[in-house]
Amino acid sequence: MVGMYDLQSAPSRLLEENIVTFVKNELKKIQKLLSPDYPECSESQREDEDEEQRRSREAFLKITLHFLRRMKQDELADRLQSSKRISLNN
């Protein structure tokens, strides 16, 4: 049974690693975005992003906003949401 458990947990571990990597990368982007010296994102940079990547980023942004508001960091959440460098399609 140990072998079977290992096989079932391998996809779970891989999924966890992928999610953690994605979250860390997106948090770095958000930190840069909120930095006062970060340059505006051009339209061509946004157009290069494929649809799936854009939807993933928007979903992560919504989750981030949710957690910021739960942490009573409304001002930071508002700054992030109103940033012209990110578009949220509600």
N, C-alpha and C. Protein backbone atom coordinates (compact mmCIF):
# COMPACT_ATOMS: atom_id res chain seq x y z
N MET A 1 0.80 -1.21 0.00
CA MET A 1 0.00 0.00 0.00
C MET A 1 0.84 1.26 0.00
N VAL A 2 2.07 1.20 0.49
CA VAL A 2 2.93 2.37 0.51
C VAL A 2 3.20 2.85 -0.90
N GLY A 3 3.45 1.91 -1.83
CA GLY A 3 3.70 2.26 -3.22
C GLY A 3 2.52 2.99 -3.84
N MET A 4 1.32 2.52 -3.53
CA MET A 4 0.12 3.15 -4.07
C MET A 4 -0.03 4.57 -3.52
N TYR A 5 0.25 4.75 -2.23
CA TYR A 5 0.17 6.08 -1.63
C TYR A 5 1.15 7.03 -2.30
N ASP A 6 2.36 6.55 -2.56
CA ASP A 6 3.37 7.39 -3.20
C ASP A 6 2.92 7.84 -4.57
N LEU A 7 2.30 6.92 -5.34
CA LEU A 7 1.82 7.28 -6.67
C LEU A 7 0.71 8.32 -6.60
N GLN A 8 -0.17 8.19 -5.63
CA GLN A 8 -1.28 9.13 -5.51
C GLN A 8 -0.82 10.48 -4.98
N SER A 9 0.22 10.47 -4.16
CA SER A 9 0.65 11.74 -3.58
C SER A 9 1.58 12.51 -4.51
N ALA A 10 2.21 11.84 -5.47
CA ALA A 10 3.12 12.52 -6.39
C ALA A 10 2.41 13.63 -7.17
N PRO A 11 1.25 13.37 -7.77
CA PRO A 11 0.56 14.47 -8.47
C PRO A 11 0.17 15.59 -7.52
N SER A 12 -0.20 15.21 -6.30
CA SER A 12 -0.58 16.21 -5.32
C SER A 12 0.61 17.10 -4.96
N ARG A 13 1.77 16.50 -4.76
CA ARG A 13 2.98 17.28 -4.46
C ARG A 13 3.35 18.17 -5.64
N LEU A 14 3.26 17.64 -6.84
CA LEU A 14 3.58 18.43 -8.03
C LEU A 14 2.62 19.61 -8.16
N LEU A 15 1.35 19.35 -7.92
CA LEU A 15 0.36 20.42 -7.96
C LEU A 15 0.69 21.50 -6.93
N GLU A 16 1.01 21.07 -5.72
CA GLU A 16 1.36 22.02 -4.67
C GLU A 16 2.59 22.85 -5.06
N GLU A 17 3.61 22.19 -5.60
CA GLU A 17 4.82 22.91 -6.02
C GLU A 17 4.50 23.94 -7.10
N ASN A 18 3.66 23.54 -8.07
CA ASN A 18 3.30 24.47 -9.15
C ASN A 18 2.52 25.66 -8.62
N ILE A 19 1.60 25.40 -7.71
CA ILE A 19 0.80 26.49 -7.15
C ILE A 19 1.68 27.43 -6.33
N VAL A 20 2.55 26.87 -5.50
CA VAL A 20 3.43 27.70 -4.66
C VAL A 20 4.34 28.55 -5.54
N THR A 21 4.89 27.96 -6.59
CA THR A 21 5.76 28.71 -7.52
C THR A 21 4.98 29.84 -8.18
N PHE A 22 3.77 29.54 -8.64
CA PHE A 22 2.93 30.56 -9.28
C PHE A 22 2.65 31.70 -8.31
N VAL A 23 2.26 31.36 -7.08
CA VAL A 23 1.93 32.38 -6.08
C VAL A 23 3.15 33.24 -5.78
N LYS A 24 4.30 32.63 -5.59
CA LYS A 24 5.52 33.40 -5.30
C LYS A 24 5.84 34.35 -6.44
N ASN A 25 5.74 33.87 -7.68
CA ASN A 25 6.02 34.73 -8.83
C ASN A 25 5.03 35.88 -8.94
N GLU A 26 3.76 35.60 -8.72
CA GLU A 26 2.75 36.65 -8.80
C GLU A 26 2.91 37.66 -7.67
N LEU A 27 3.26 37.21 -6.48
CA LEU A 27 3.49 38.14 -5.37
C LEU A 27 4.67 39.06 -5.66
N LYS A 28 5.71 38.53 -6.29
CA LYS A 28 6.84 39.38 -6.67
C LYS A 28 6.39 40.45 -7.66
N LYS A 29 5.55 40.06 -8.61
CA LYS A 29 5.05 41.03 -9.60
C LYS A 29 4.19 42.10 -8.92
N ILE A 30 3.37 41.69 -7.97
CA ILE A 30 2.53 42.65 -7.25
C ILE A 30 3.39 43.60 -6.43
N GLN A 31 4.42 43.08 -5.79
CA GLN A 31 5.32 43.94 -5.02
C GLN A 31 5.99 44.97 -5.93
N LYS A 32 6.43 44.54 -7.09
CA LYS A 32 7.03 45.48 -8.05
C LYS A 32 6.00 46.50 -8.51
N LEU A 33 4.80 46.02 -8.77
CA LEU A 33 3.73 46.88 -9.24
C LEU A 33 3.41 47.99 -8.25
N LEU A 34 3.44 47.67 -6.97
CA LEU A 34 3.12 48.65 -5.94
C LEU A 34 4.30 49.55 -5.60
N SER A 35 5.46 49.23 -6.13
CA SER A 35 6.64 50.05 -5.90
C SER A 35 6.50 51.37 -6.65
N PRO A 36 6.82 52.50 -6.01
CA PRO A 36 6.65 53.80 -6.65
C PRO A 36 7.52 53.99 -7.89
N ASP A 37 8.63 53.28 -7.99
CA ASP A 37 9.52 53.48 -9.13
C ASP A 37 9.32 52.43 -10.22
N TYR A 38 8.23 51.66 -10.16
CA TYR A 38 7.96 50.66 -11.18
C TYR A 38 7.35 51.34 -12.40
N PRO A 39 7.89 51.08 -13.61
CA PRO A 39 7.36 51.73 -14.82
C PRO A 39 6.00 51.18 -15.21
N GLU A 40 5.24 52.00 -15.92
CA GLU A 40 3.94 51.57 -16.41
C GLU A 40 4.11 50.40 -17.37
N CYS A 41 3.14 49.51 -17.38
CA CYS A 41 3.14 48.36 -18.28
C CYS A 41 2.53 48.81 -19.61
N SER A 42 3.21 48.53 -20.69
CA SER A 42 2.72 48.96 -22.00
C SER A 42 1.64 48.01 -22.50
N GLU A 43 0.83 48.50 -23.44
CA GLU A 43 -0.22 47.68 -24.04
C GLU A 43 0.38 46.46 -24.73
N SER A 44 1.52 46.63 -25.40
CA SER A 44 2.11 45.50 -26.12
C SER A 44 2.53 44.40 -25.16
N GLN A 45 2.97 44.77 -23.96
CA GLN A 45 3.33 43.75 -22.97
C GLN A 45 2.09 42.98 -22.54
N ARG A 46 0.97 43.67 -22.38
CA ARG A 46 -0.27 43.00 -21.99
C ARG A 46 -0.78 42.11 -23.10
N GLU A 47 -0.62 42.54 -24.36
CA GLU A 47 -1.11 41.76 -25.48
C GLU A 47 -0.31 40.48 -25.67
N ASP A 48 0.94 40.46 -25.25
CA ASP A 48 1.78 39.28 -25.38
C ASP A 48 1.32 38.14 -24.47
N GLU A 49 0.59 38.48 -23.45
CA GLU A 49 0.13 37.50 -22.48
C GLU A 49 -1.01 36.68 -23.09
N ASP A 50 -0.93 35.36 -23.02
CA ASP A 50 -2.02 34.57 -23.58
C ASP A 50 -3.23 34.60 -22.65
N GLU A 51 -4.37 34.20 -23.19
CA GLU A 51 -5.64 34.30 -22.47
C GLU A 51 -5.62 33.51 -21.16
N GLU A 52 -5.11 32.30 -21.19
CA GLU A 52 -5.08 31.48 -19.98
C GLU A 52 -4.21 32.12 -18.90
N GLN A 53 -3.08 32.65 -19.29
CA GLN A 53 -2.18 33.31 -18.34
C GLN A 53 -2.86 34.56 -17.76
N ARG A 54 -3.54 35.30 -18.60
CA ARG A 54 -4.23 36.51 -18.15
C ARG A 54 -5.33 36.17 -17.14
N ARG A 55 -6.10 35.12 -17.44
CA ARG A 55 -7.17 34.72 -16.52
C ARG A 55 -6.61 34.24 -15.19
N SER A 56 -5.49 33.51 -15.25
CA SER A 56 -4.85 33.04 -14.01
C SER A 56 -4.38 34.22 -13.18
N ARG A 57 -3.78 35.19 -13.84
CA ARG A 57 -3.28 36.37 -13.14
C ARG A 57 -4.44 37.17 -12.52
N GLU A 58 -5.53 37.32 -13.26
CA GLU A 58 -6.69 38.04 -12.74
C GLU A 58 -7.30 37.31 -11.54
N ALA A 59 -7.38 35.98 -11.63
CA ALA A 59 -7.91 35.20 -10.51
C ALA A 59 -7.02 35.35 -9.28
N PHE A 60 -5.72 35.31 -9.49
CA PHE A 60 -4.80 35.48 -8.37
C PHE A 60 -4.93 36.87 -7.77
N LEU A 61 -5.10 37.86 -8.61
CA LEU A 61 -5.26 39.22 -8.12
C LEU A 61 -6.52 39.34 -7.26
N LYS A 62 -7.60 38.72 -7.70
CA LYS A 62 -8.83 38.75 -6.90
C LYS A 62 -8.64 38.07 -5.55
N ILE A 63 -7.92 36.96 -5.54
CA ILE A 63 -7.63 36.26 -4.29
C ILE A 63 -6.78 37.15 -3.39
N THR A 64 -5.78 37.79 -3.98
CA THR A 64 -4.90 38.68 -3.21
C THR A 64 -5.69 39.83 -2.60
N LEU A 65 -6.57 40.44 -3.39
CA LEU A 65 -7.41 41.52 -2.89
C LEU A 65 -8.29 41.03 -1.73
N HIS A 66 -8.84 39.84 -1.88
CA HIS A 66 -9.67 39.26 -0.82
C HIS A 66 -8.87 39.13 0.48
N PHE A 67 -7.66 38.57 0.38
CA PHE A 67 -6.85 38.38 1.59
C PHE A 67 -6.42 39.71 2.18
N LEU A 68 -6.06 40.68 1.35
CA LEU A 68 -5.68 41.99 1.87
C LEU A 68 -6.83 42.61 2.65
N ARG A 69 -8.04 42.50 2.12
CA ARG A 69 -9.19 43.08 2.81
C ARG A 69 -9.50 42.32 4.11
N ARG A 70 -9.34 41.00 4.10
CA ARG A 70 -9.53 40.22 5.34
C ARG A 70 -8.51 40.61 6.39
N MET A 71 -7.33 41.02 5.94
CA MET A 71 -6.27 41.44 6.86
C MET A 71 -6.42 42.91 7.25
N LYS A 72 -7.53 43.54 6.83
CA LYS A 72 -7.79 44.95 7.12
C LYS A 72 -6.76 45.87 6.47
N GLN A 73 -6.26 45.46 5.31
CA GLN A 73 -5.31 46.26 4.55
C GLN A 73 -6.04 46.88 3.35
N ASP A 74 -7.14 47.56 3.66
CA ASP A 74 -8.00 48.11 2.61
C ASP A 74 -7.28 49.14 1.74
N GLU A 75 -6.46 49.97 2.35
CA GLU A 75 -5.76 51.00 1.57
C GLU A 75 -4.84 50.36 0.54
N LEU A 76 -4.11 49.34 0.95
CA LEU A 76 -3.22 48.64 0.03
C LEU A 76 -4.02 47.92 -1.05
N ALA A 77 -5.12 47.30 -0.66
CA ALA A 77 -5.98 46.62 -1.63
C ALA A 77 -6.55 47.62 -2.64
N ASP A 78 -6.97 48.78 -2.15
CA ASP A 78 -7.50 49.81 -3.05
C ASP A 78 -6.44 50.29 -4.03
N ARG A 79 -5.22 50.50 -3.52
CA ARG A 79 -4.12 50.92 -4.40
C ARG A 79 -3.87 49.89 -5.49
N LEU A 80 -3.86 48.63 -5.09
CA LEU A 80 -3.61 47.56 -6.04
C LEU A 80 -4.73 47.48 -7.06
N GLN A 81 -5.96 47.55 -6.60
CA GLN A 81 -7.11 47.43 -7.49
C GLN A 81 -7.22 48.61 -8.45
N SER A 82 -6.89 49.79 -8.00
CA SER A 82 -7.06 50.97 -8.84
C SER A 82 -5.86 51.23 -9.74
N SER A 83 -4.84 50.43 -9.59
CA SER A 83 -3.65 50.62 -10.42
C SER A 83 -4.01 50.50 -11.90
N LYS A 84 -3.52 51.43 -12.68
CA LYS A 84 -3.79 51.40 -14.12
C LYS A 84 -2.99 50.31 -14.82
N ARG A 85 -2.05 49.72 -14.11
CA ARG A 85 -1.21 48.68 -14.72
C ARG A 85 -1.88 47.32 -14.70
N ILE A 86 -3.01 47.20 -13.99
CA ILE A 86 -3.73 45.93 -13.92
C ILE A 86 -5.17 46.19 -14.32
N SER A 87 -5.74 45.32 -15.11
CA SER A 87 -7.15 45.46 -15.42
C SER A 87 -7.89 44.26 -14.86
N LEU A 88 -8.93 44.54 -14.10
CA LEU A 88 -9.79 43.49 -13.58
C LEU A 88 -11.07 43.50 -14.39
N ASN A 89 -11.38 42.41 -15.00
CA ASN A 89 -12.64 42.30 -15.72
C ASN A 89 -13.65 41.63 -14.81
N ASN A 90 -14.58 42.41 -14.29
CA ASN A 90 -15.59 41.87 -13.36
C ASN A 90 -16.73 41.27 -14.11
